Protein backbone atom coordinates (compact mmCIF):
# COMPACT_ATOMS: atom_id res chain seq x y z
CA GLU A 1 -134.49 -252.80 243.65
CA HIS A 2 -133.60 -256.45 243.10
CA ARG A 3 -135.18 -259.81 242.41
CA TYR A 4 -135.34 -262.27 245.29
CA TRP A 5 -136.54 -265.78 245.85
CA GLY A 6 -139.86 -265.54 247.68
CA ARG A 7 -142.16 -268.16 249.11
CA LYS A 8 -142.52 -271.40 247.17
CA ARG A 9 -139.36 -270.54 245.24
CA ARG A 10 -141.17 -267.77 243.35
CA LEU A 11 -139.05 -264.90 242.02
CA VAL A 12 -140.28 -261.56 243.30
CA TRP A 13 -139.18 -257.96 242.89
CA ALA A 14 -138.40 -256.15 246.12
CA ARG A 15 -137.21 -252.71 247.07
CA ALA A 16 -134.74 -252.85 249.94
CA SER A 17 -133.45 -249.94 252.00
CA ALA A 18 -131.23 -249.78 255.06
CA SER A 19 -130.17 -247.01 257.42
CA ALA A 20 -127.78 -246.81 260.35
CA VAL A 21 -128.91 -245.80 263.85
CA ARG A 22 -126.18 -244.17 265.97
CA ASP A 23 -126.04 -243.07 269.56
CA HIS A 24 -125.23 -239.55 270.82
CA LEU A 25 -121.52 -240.25 270.40
CA GLY A 26 -121.97 -241.26 266.77
CA GLN A 27 -121.33 -244.91 267.45
CA LEU A 28 -123.24 -247.39 265.31
CA ARG A 29 -125.88 -249.12 267.45
CA PHE A 30 -127.86 -251.06 264.87
CA ILE A 31 -129.13 -251.03 261.28
CA ILE A 32 -132.77 -250.81 260.26
CA ALA A 33 -133.58 -252.61 257.01
CA MET A 34 -136.89 -252.52 255.18
CA VAL A 35 -138.00 -254.68 252.27
CA GLU A 36 -141.08 -253.92 250.18
CA ASP A 37 -142.55 -256.32 247.63
CA ILE A 38 -142.92 -254.35 244.36
CA THR A 39 -143.64 -257.29 242.05
CA GLY A 40 -147.06 -255.90 241.09
CA ARG A 41 -145.59 -252.50 240.24
CA LYS A 42 -142.82 -254.07 238.14
CA GLN A 43 -145.33 -256.19 236.23
CA ALA A 44 -147.44 -253.09 235.53
CA GLU A 45 -144.33 -251.21 234.34
CA ASP A 46 -143.42 -254.12 232.05
CA GLN A 47 -146.93 -254.13 230.58
CA ILE A 48 -146.81 -250.38 229.98
CA ARG A 49 -143.37 -250.68 228.35
CA LEU A 50 -144.63 -253.50 226.12
CA LEU A 51 -147.68 -251.45 225.14
CA VAL A 52 -145.61 -248.35 224.32
CA ASN A 53 -143.15 -250.39 222.24
CA SER A 54 -146.02 -252.08 220.39
CA VAL A 55 -147.68 -248.75 219.57
CA HIS A 56 -144.38 -247.32 218.34
CA SER A 57 -143.58 -250.44 216.27
CA THR A 58 -146.86 -250.61 214.34
CA GLN A 59 -147.22 -249.11 210.86
CA GLU A 60 -150.62 -247.63 211.78
CA LEU A 61 -150.63 -243.89 212.45
CA ILE A 62 -151.72 -243.54 216.08
CA CYS A 63 -152.44 -240.36 218.02
CA ILE A 64 -154.03 -239.56 221.37
CA THR A 65 -155.67 -236.23 222.12
CA ASP A 66 -157.09 -234.80 225.33
CA GLN A 67 -160.76 -233.91 225.80
CA LYS A 68 -160.14 -230.56 224.10
CA ASN A 69 -158.73 -232.41 221.08
CA ARG A 70 -155.09 -231.40 221.54
CA PHE A 71 -152.35 -233.91 220.70
CA GLN A 72 -150.92 -235.65 223.77
CA PHE A 73 -149.19 -238.57 222.05
CA VAL A 74 -148.19 -239.56 218.50
CA ASN A 75 -146.33 -242.71 217.51
CA ARG A 76 -143.26 -242.95 215.27
CA ALA A 77 -145.27 -243.94 212.19
CA PHE A 78 -147.43 -240.82 212.65
CA LEU A 79 -144.37 -238.55 212.82
CA SER A 80 -142.79 -240.26 209.81
CA ALA A 81 -145.95 -239.97 207.71
CA TYR A 82 -146.52 -236.27 208.41
CA GLY A 83 -142.92 -235.08 208.63
CA TYR A 84 -143.36 -233.24 211.93
CA THR A 85 -141.34 -233.61 215.12
CA GLU A 86 -143.09 -234.48 218.36
CA PRO A 87 -142.68 -230.97 219.90
CA GLU A 88 -144.22 -229.45 216.77
CA LEU A 89 -147.41 -231.50 217.26
CA LEU A 90 -147.97 -231.90 221.00
CA GLY A 91 -150.53 -229.41 222.27
CA ARG A 92 -151.77 -228.64 218.73
CA LYS A 93 -155.10 -229.70 217.23
CA PRO A 94 -155.58 -232.14 214.32
CA GLU A 95 -156.84 -229.31 212.09
CA LEU A 96 -153.14 -228.57 211.55
CA LEU A 97 -153.06 -231.61 209.24
CA SER A 98 -156.18 -230.81 207.22
CA ALA A 99 -155.89 -230.49 203.43
CA PRO A 100 -157.42 -227.31 201.92
CA ALA A 101 -159.96 -229.40 199.97
CA ASN A 102 -161.59 -230.62 203.19
CA ALA A 103 -164.77 -228.93 204.36
CA PRO A 104 -163.96 -226.36 207.11
CA GLU A 105 -166.27 -228.15 209.57
CA LEU A 106 -164.90 -231.67 208.92
CA TYR A 107 -162.54 -231.89 211.89
CA ASP A 108 -165.10 -230.48 214.30
CA GLN A 109 -167.60 -233.10 213.09
CA ILE A 110 -165.03 -235.85 213.66
CA TYR A 111 -164.30 -234.48 217.14
CA GLN A 112 -167.97 -234.23 218.14
CA GLN A 113 -168.77 -237.72 216.84
CA THR A 114 -165.73 -239.14 218.65
CA LEU A 115 -166.96 -237.58 221.91
CA GLY A 116 -170.27 -239.30 221.19
CA GLY A 117 -168.70 -242.70 220.61
CA GLY A 118 -166.49 -242.76 217.52
CA TRP A 119 -165.99 -241.90 213.86
CA GLN A 120 -164.63 -243.72 210.84
CA GLY A 121 -164.10 -242.79 207.22
CA GLU A 122 -161.61 -241.65 204.61
CA ILE A 123 -160.16 -238.13 204.55
CA VAL A 124 -157.30 -236.30 202.88
CA ASN A 125 -154.55 -234.91 205.10
CA ARG A 126 -151.51 -232.74 204.47
CA ARG A 127 -147.89 -233.32 205.43
CA LYS A 128 -145.58 -230.63 206.77
CA ASP A 129 -144.12 -230.15 203.28
CA GLY A 130 -147.60 -229.45 201.88
CA THR A 131 -148.11 -232.71 199.99
CA GLU A 132 -151.47 -234.39 200.49
CA PHE A 133 -152.35 -238.04 201.01
CA PRO A 134 -155.49 -240.06 201.77
CA ILE A 135 -155.99 -241.92 205.03
CA ALA A 136 -158.57 -244.28 206.49
CA LEU A 137 -159.29 -242.99 210.00
CA ASN A 138 -160.98 -244.61 213.01
CA THR A 139 -161.47 -242.67 216.24
CA SER A 140 -162.82 -243.64 219.65
CA GLN A 141 -162.90 -242.59 223.28
CA ILE A 142 -160.42 -243.63 225.95
CA THR A 143 -162.38 -244.29 229.14
CA ASP A 144 -161.56 -245.41 232.67
CA GLY A 145 -163.31 -248.16 234.62
CA ALA A 146 -166.12 -245.80 235.58
CA GLY A 147 -166.77 -244.78 231.97
CA ARG A 148 -165.25 -241.30 232.29
CA ILE A 149 -163.59 -240.01 229.12
CA LEU A 150 -159.84 -239.62 229.63
CA GLY A 151 -158.98 -238.76 226.05
CA LEU A 152 -159.53 -239.65 222.41
CA VAL A 153 -157.57 -242.00 220.17
CA GLY A 154 -157.22 -241.97 216.41
CA VAL A 155 -155.84 -244.87 214.36
CA ALA A 156 -155.19 -244.19 210.68
CA ARG A 157 -153.80 -246.04 207.67
CA ASP A 158 -152.06 -244.35 204.74
CA LEU A 159 -154.09 -245.19 201.62
CA SER A 160 -151.64 -243.70 199.10
CA ALA A 161 -150.40 -247.03 197.73
CA GLN A 162 -153.91 -248.48 197.62
CA LYS A 163 -155.30 -245.44 195.80
CA ARG A 164 -152.43 -245.52 193.29
CA ALA A 165 -153.06 -249.20 192.60
CA GLU A 166 -156.79 -248.58 192.14
CA LYS A 167 -156.07 -245.67 189.79
CA GLN A 168 -153.62 -247.73 187.74
CA SER A 169 -155.98 -250.68 187.55
CA ALA A 170 -158.85 -248.49 186.36
CA ALA A 171 -156.62 -246.69 183.84
CA PHE A 172 -155.26 -249.93 182.34
CA ALA A 173 -158.76 -251.39 182.12
CA LEU A 174 -159.90 -248.25 180.29
CA LEU A 175 -156.81 -248.36 178.06
CA GLY A 176 -157.54 -251.94 177.01
CA HIS A 177 -161.17 -251.16 176.31
CA ARG A 178 -160.45 -248.04 174.24
CA LEU A 179 -157.52 -249.56 172.33
CA SER A 180 -159.75 -252.41 171.22
CA GLY A 181 -161.80 -249.85 169.28
CA ALA A 182 -158.85 -247.99 167.73
CA THR A 183 -158.60 -248.36 163.93
CA THR A 184 -155.42 -246.39 163.20
CA PRO A 185 -152.01 -245.96 164.86
CA ALA A 186 -152.80 -242.27 165.36
CA GLN A 187 -155.98 -243.13 167.29
CA ALA A 188 -154.07 -245.64 169.41
CA ALA A 189 -151.34 -243.10 170.15
CA HIS A 190 -153.93 -240.49 171.14
CA ILE A 191 -155.66 -242.97 173.51
CA ILE A 192 -152.34 -243.98 175.09
CA LEU A 193 -151.41 -240.31 175.59
CA GLU A 194 -154.74 -239.59 177.32
CA ILE A 195 -154.35 -242.54 179.71
CA ALA A 196 -150.71 -241.62 180.41
CA SER A 197 -151.86 -238.08 181.21
CA VAL A 198 -154.32 -239.47 183.76
CA LEU A 199 -151.74 -241.76 185.34
CA PHE A 200 -148.63 -239.56 185.32
CA GLY A 201 -149.87 -236.02 184.76
CA TRP A 202 -148.14 -235.69 181.40
């Protein structure tokens, strides 16, 4: 496969092949050469490569499941966030990632609503090491030109940093409010200890 100058000095991709034709004595008589324009195929391959690289480069956690809700694809950010390897996830169902606090029917509800069009919301998931973290999840169908469902896609964002910032902001606002009413150093120390306990688990 090589690039050639085509009509109107346009670069095209072509697949060339050649074979020798010999007579009954094994003498070379002539060579048959065939050239096939594969520019369209190459452009499609480039687009697919660009798409795959884009999906792997994003910080969003992206997964694709089949119609039975089994993982078919996960991007690098997804693997990094959950701590699993690709072979450990492919063929498994998203329930593997569910935190114990979630309602048992949550993932089935998400699956059914995604089959019906899509789902979005915040849930808590669990990494391979058992730690939990919140995500914002959006799911939708993957359809072909005829509207047939080929699979399901989920795009999630790790909310850990956002939730920590919200918790800190609320705690400091409460600290300021309560300290303004403290009348003794002992009261102030007690208030600070309570807020620190909320923030850091002391």
